[in-house]
Protein backbone atom coordinates (compact mmCIF):
# COMPACT_ATOMS: atom_id res chain seq x y z
CA UNK A 1 78.66 -35.81 50.31
CA UNK A 2 75.18 -35.52 48.72
CA UNK A 3 73.78 -34.28 52.04
CA UNK A 4 76.53 -31.67 52.24
CA UNK A 5 75.80 -30.45 48.69
CA UNK A 6 72.09 -30.32 49.48
CA UNK A 7 72.77 -28.17 52.58
CA UNK A 8 74.98 -25.80 50.60
CA UNK A 9 72.29 -25.51 47.91
CA UNK A 10 69.64 -24.68 50.52
CA UNK A 11 71.91 -22.06 52.07
CA UNK A 12 72.40 -20.38 48.70
CA UNK A 13 68.66 -20.39 48.06
CA UNK A 14 67.96 -18.79 51.44
CA UNK A 15 70.63 -16.16 50.78
CA UNK A 16 69.05 -15.28 47.44
CA UNK A 17 65.57 -15.10 48.94
CA UNK A 18 66.84 -12.90 51.77
CA UNK A 19 68.50 -10.56 49.30
CA UNK A 20 65.34 -10.27 47.21
CA UNK A 21 63.29 -9.54 50.32
CA UNK A 22 65.73 -6.87 51.43
CA UNK A 23 65.63 -5.28 47.98
CA UNK A 24 61.84 -5.26 48.00
CA UNK A 25 61.76 -3.72 51.45
CA UNK A 26 64.03 -0.85 50.40
CA UNK A 27 62.57 -0.40 46.94
CA UNK A 28 60.46 2.52 45.90
CA UNK A 29 56.88 1.95 44.72
CA UNK A 30 56.87 -0.05 41.52
CA UNK A 31 59.78 -2.25 42.58
CA UNK A 32 62.57 0.20 41.67
CA UNK A 33 65.39 1.20 44.01
CA UNK A 34 64.97 4.54 45.78
CA UNK A 35 65.77 7.54 43.58
CA UNK A 36 69.49 8.32 43.68
CA UNK A 37 68.82 12.03 44.10
CA UNK A 38 67.90 11.37 47.73
CA UNK A 39 71.36 10.11 48.53
CA UNK A 40 74.04 12.23 50.18
CA UNK A 41 77.60 11.41 49.15
CA UNK A 42 79.05 8.66 51.32
CA UNK A 43 82.77 9.44 50.90
CA UNK A 44 84.17 12.61 52.50
CA UNK A 45 84.62 15.54 50.12
CA UNK A 46 86.18 18.83 51.08
CA UNK A 47 85.21 21.92 49.12
CA UNK A 48 88.86 23.00 49.24
CA UNK A 49 89.88 19.93 47.21
CA UNK A 50 88.20 21.41 44.12
CA UNK A 51 87.67 25.13 44.85
CA UNK A 52 89.28 28.14 46.45
CA UNK A 53 87.44 31.21 47.68
CA UNK A 54 87.47 33.86 44.95
CA UNK A 55 89.50 36.94 45.78
CA UNK A 56 88.37 40.48 45.07
CA UNK A 57 89.36 41.92 41.74
CA UNK A 58 89.68 40.10 38.44
CA UNK A 59 91.43 37.05 37.05
CA UNK A 60 92.19 35.90 33.52
CA UNK A 61 90.91 32.75 31.82
CA UNK A 62 93.27 29.80 32.14
CA UNK A 63 95.80 28.95 29.45
CA UNK A 64 93.13 27.21 27.37
CA UNK A 65 90.57 29.95 27.82
CA UNK A 66 88.36 28.22 30.38
CA UNK A 67 86.44 30.39 32.84
CA UNK A 68 87.04 29.24 36.41
CA UNK A 69 85.66 32.07 38.55
CA UNK A 70 81.96 31.78 39.37
CA UNK A 71 79.21 32.69 41.75
CA UNK A 72 77.42 29.38 42.37
CA UNK A 73 74.11 29.03 44.18
CA UNK A 74 73.71 26.09 46.52
CA UNK A 75 71.77 23.38 44.67
CA UNK A 76 68.02 23.58 44.20
CA UNK A 77 66.16 20.30 44.70
CA UNK A 78 64.82 19.15 41.32
CA UNK A 79 64.12 15.40 41.59
CA UNK A 80 64.51 13.40 38.37
CA UNK A 81 64.98 9.64 38.41
CA UNK A 82 66.42 9.67 34.90
CA UNK A 83 68.24 12.14 32.68
CA UNK A 84 66.32 10.97 29.62
CA UNK A 85 63.60 13.53 30.42
CA UNK A 86 65.88 16.42 29.50
CA UNK A 87 64.26 17.27 26.18
CA UNK A 88 64.27 20.82 24.83
CA UNK A 89 60.67 21.38 25.91
CA UNK A 90 61.25 20.00 29.42
CA UNK A 91 64.36 22.13 29.89
CA UNK A 92 62.75 25.33 28.69
CA UNK A 93 59.92 24.83 31.14
CA UNK A 94 62.33 23.95 33.96
CA UNK A 95 64.65 26.88 33.28
CA UNK A 96 61.83 29.39 32.68
CA UNK A 97 60.34 28.59 36.09
CA UNK A 98 60.96 31.36 38.61
CA UNK A 99 62.72 29.75 41.57
CA UNK A 100 63.91 32.93 43.29
CA UNK A 101 63.52 36.68 42.89
CA UNK A 102 65.35 38.29 39.94
CA UNK A 103 67.00 35.01 39.00
CA UNK A 104 67.58 36.14 35.39
CA UNK A 105 68.96 39.58 36.28
CA UNK A 106 70.54 39.36 39.72
CA UNK A 107 74.28 39.77 40.19
CA UNK A 108 74.52 38.44 43.74
CA UNK A 109 77.22 39.10 46.29
CA UNK A 110 79.20 36.34 47.90
CA UNK A 111 77.12 35.02 50.80
CA UNK A 112 73.80 36.43 49.62
CA UNK A 113 70.88 34.12 50.39
CA UNK A 114 67.68 33.29 48.56
CA UNK A 115 64.67 31.21 49.45
CA UNK A 116 63.48 28.52 47.05
CA UNK A 117 60.40 26.82 48.44
CA UNK A 118 61.48 25.54 51.85
CA UNK A 119 65.17 25.79 50.98
CA UNK A 120 67.38 28.67 52.10
CA UNK A 121 70.34 28.77 49.74
CA UNK A 122 73.52 30.85 49.65
CA UNK A 123 75.69 32.11 46.81
CA UNK A 124 79.39 31.20 46.89
CA UNK A 125 82.13 33.09 45.01
CA UNK A 126 84.63 30.40 44.04
CA UNK A 127 87.54 29.68 41.74
CA UNK A 128 87.61 26.16 40.35
CA UNK A 129 90.95 24.40 40.66
CA UNK A 130 90.15 22.49 37.48
CA UNK A 131 89.09 23.66 34.03
CA UNK A 132 85.74 21.95 34.63
CA UNK A 133 83.63 23.17 37.52
CA UNK A 134 82.73 20.16 39.66
CA UNK A 135 79.18 20.88 40.80
CA UNK A 136 78.81 17.38 42.26
CA UNK A 137 81.83 18.08 44.49
CA UNK A 138 80.49 21.55 45.29
CA UNK A 139 77.26 20.00 46.61
CA UNK A 140 79.10 17.22 48.42
CA UNK A 141 81.56 19.64 50.02
CA UNK A 142 78.61 21.56 51.46
CA UNK A 143 77.09 18.29 52.72
CA UNK A 144 74.12 18.69 50.39
CA UNK A 145 72.45 15.93 48.42
CA UNK A 146 74.22 15.32 45.14
CA UNK A 147 71.53 13.98 42.77
CA UNK A 148 68.35 15.46 41.35
CA UNK A 149 69.54 19.05 41.43
CA UNK A 150 69.46 22.35 39.57
CA UNK A 151 72.44 24.69 39.80
CA UNK A 152 72.54 28.42 38.96
CA UNK A 153 75.85 30.11 38.14
CA UNK A 154 76.85 33.68 37.29
CA UNK A 155 80.10 35.41 36.34
CA UNK A 156 81.22 38.75 34.93
CA UNK A 157 83.32 39.07 31.77
CA UNK A 158 85.15 42.39 31.51
CA UNK A 159 86.51 43.56 28.14
CA UNK A 160 88.68 46.57 27.35
CA UNK A 161 87.15 46.71 23.87
CA UNK A 162 84.53 44.93 21.79
CA UNK A 163 85.54 41.37 20.92
CA UNK A 164 83.61 40.39 17.80
CA UNK A 165 82.84 37.11 16.05
CA UNK A 166 83.38 34.83 19.01
CA UNK A 167 81.38 31.78 19.97
CA UNK A 168 80.39 30.68 23.44
CA UNK A 169 81.52 27.06 23.81
CA UNK A 170 80.40 24.72 26.57
CA UNK A 171 80.11 21.18 27.84
CA UNK A 172 78.00 20.03 30.76
CA UNK A 173 76.86 17.00 32.70
CA UNK A 174 73.99 16.77 32.27
CA UNK A 175 71.81 19.38 30.50
CA UNK A 176 72.32 23.14 30.68
CA UNK A 177 71.24 26.52 29.34
CA UNK A 178 73.37 29.66 29.04
CA UNK A 179 72.63 33.38 28.72
CA UNK A 180 74.94 36.26 27.83
CA UNK A 181 73.73 39.74 28.79
CA UNK A 182 70.21 38.38 29.16
CA UNK A 183 70.11 36.65 25.76
CA UNK A 184 69.95 32.87 25.47
CA UNK A 185 73.05 31.70 23.61
CA UNK A 186 73.16 27.93 24.08
CA UNK A 187 71.00 24.98 25.15
CA UNK A 188 72.59 21.58 25.76
CA UNK A 189 69.79 19.04 26.10
CA UNK A 190 69.59 15.30 26.66
CA UNK A 191 71.47 12.91 28.92
CA UNK A 192 75.06 13.89 28.21
CA UNK A 193 78.49 13.74 29.74
CA UNK A 194 80.71 16.79 30.04
CA UNK A 195 82.76 17.10 26.85
CA UNK A 196 84.91 20.12 26.00
CA UNK A 197 83.29 22.31 23.30
CA UNK A 198 80.30 19.97 23.16
CA UNK A 199 78.07 22.80 21.96
CA UNK A 200 78.72 26.25 20.52
CA UNK A 201 76.62 29.36 20.10
CA UNK A 202 76.11 31.52 17.03
CA UNK A 203 78.63 34.35 16.51
CA UNK A 204 78.60 36.81 19.39
CA UNK A 205 80.18 40.08 20.41
CA UNK A 206 81.64 40.51 23.87
CA UNK A 207 81.00 44.20 24.34
CA UNK A 208 83.40 46.69 25.85
CA UNK A 209 82.90 46.80 29.60
CA UNK A 210 80.91 44.28 31.63
CA UNK A 211 79.19 41.21 30.19
CA UNK A 212 77.07 38.99 32.46
CA UNK A 213 77.30 35.27 31.74
CA UNK A 214 74.64 33.12 33.43
CA UNK A 215 74.09 29.37 33.37
CA UNK A 216 71.68 26.74 34.70
CA UNK A 217 72.76 23.11 34.94
CA UNK A 218 70.39 20.26 35.76
CA UNK A 219 71.08 16.62 36.57
CA UNK A 220 69.26 13.58 37.93
CA UNK A 221 71.45 10.61 38.87
CA UNK A 222 75.17 10.88 38.16
CA UNK A 223 77.92 13.47 38.32
CA UNK A 224 77.39 17.18 37.61
CA UNK A 225 79.96 19.55 36.14
CA UNK A 226 80.55 22.00 33.30
CA UNK A 227 83.29 23.79 31.39
CA UNK A 228 82.91 26.96 29.32
CA UNK A 229 85.05 29.28 27.23
CA UNK A 230 84.88 31.57 24.22
CA UNK A 231 86.55 30.61 20.94
CA UNK A 232 87.36 32.60 17.79
CA UNK A 233 86.56 31.84 14.15
CA UNK A 234 89.39 29.29 14.04
CA UNK A 235 88.26 27.54 17.21
CA UNK A 236 91.14 28.96 19.25
CA UNK A 237 90.44 30.12 22.81
CA UNK A 238 89.73 33.80 23.40
CA UNK A 239 91.63 35.07 26.42
CA UNK A 240 91.85 38.87 26.13
CA UNK A 241 89.33 39.59 28.89
CA UNK A 242 89.16 39.30 32.66
CA UNK A 243 86.66 37.62 34.99
CA UNK A 244 85.20 38.84 38.27
CA UNK A 245 82.19 38.22 40.47
CA UNK A 246 81.38 41.86 41.29
């Protein structure tokens, strides 16, 4: 019996040593596992599970005011091994960097392509099936890597008249910055999960006619998504506008 126990103990020790050796062999310099941003999703994800192709014309916000129609650029590689780096200063530098031509003014067409470094990326006009836009699933559905990424999004808000004293309200995973008609309206910094109405802008006016809403969302390891809407002085959703991508 003692011999049997001794053999079992030796087997366990060898198993532990083998596991440590395997970990060390696959570890990045410094003894850490490889950065998660290099991984491509392992489980199948279809883009159609979370998005539909946007039709021409306009749609309304959903019943709770969330904006679901977007032009989304395929993800830009932006390796980060941790989301703790997403301070205000880091984000402003990251978002102020020019990745592609006219990135702060362009209203792209569905299928338009841009070059970012060695990447050739396309814009996709999509309607999210959920109130939150699943960027992680967008990347996975296109068979792109899903971690260490920067996403650019654009949509058009069309108003029949000025809508005054509204606030832009957003949540994102992880950090994000938002612009309305070229003006920065909200910065969500830090390592955060997507929470409805996590941050709100100062009072804004949605002007009569077209308003261009633009966002940049960045994430290291973990899921990526966002949800946005406009709310009134009482915090109720604003819905008297339409949304298009043209």
